[in-house]
């Protein structure tokens, strides 16, 4: 038995790793790591995170619960307004799906006829790939429009097991006025956030972020699995080719709207909701990123902290 100075791992003379020593090395390395977020934030931010970690998790749990209850209370006190606005965007998207199913153009005649002033809630401003979301969901019960994306975001956050100091921040995101509005209206921002969350896990769902082009940079969430992301982009591109006439209508609608077409910055208020899964990923369990190393060596997963994907 001799020591491999390049890796600090015990190997025998045949060049094979000594499994007990390797297991001890992996677990020892894991114990020294403070968390994935420490690898890409500034030293000052690392010190702040380190200080936050020293606070007992119970305080963060109660803070998150308190913020969540406050959000529910505020909306309950204004229930009449919430009820009046509930599903406004959802009904608009379903009307677009109905037009497509009946063979009518999803872009209104005045959008294609000549110059017009774009009006939110009347004019279709999404690219044709948005039909991949609108049409299938039009066949499902309305509550699923909210249950699927919000449930996906919650499930991915739980899967990543973010550190306790992030819990109040995640709850505060729900108090952000635009996030509340997106949920009440049934805005596609919920779905984009869900696609970002799934992109962090599987890669390819992030390609569908293109249904809202102004948020296209968040497609990079799928870069954790670049091959899957590339495959997703190729599939979206191939499907888009089958919608070529609709793409021509889309370009015409954009040109005819001129300066009244929403700018590339109009979705900036949607970003806090999209940051929720990204924050959970950045502050995920400190052991998660070392699990592939242990798996590559064929170790068992007896320790729960090495069992995350």
Foldseek 3Di string as FASTA:
>chain_A
DDADVVVRFDDDPVRHGDVVRVVVVLVVVLVVFDALLVVPDDPVVVVVVVVLLVDDLVVLVVLLVVLLVVLVVVCVVVVVVLVVQAALVVVLLLVLLVCVVVPHFSADPVLQPFADFDDPSPGDQWAPLCNVVSNVCNVPDPVCLQCVLVVLLVVLLVLLAFRSSCSNVLSVLCVQVVNVSCNSNSNCLSVQLSLLSVLLVQLLSLLSNCRLVLPNVSSCSNVVPVVNNVVNVVVSVVVVVVVVVRNVSNVSSDVSNPPNRDDSCPCVSSVSSSCSSVNSNSRGQSQDVSLVVCVVSVDDPPDVSSPRD
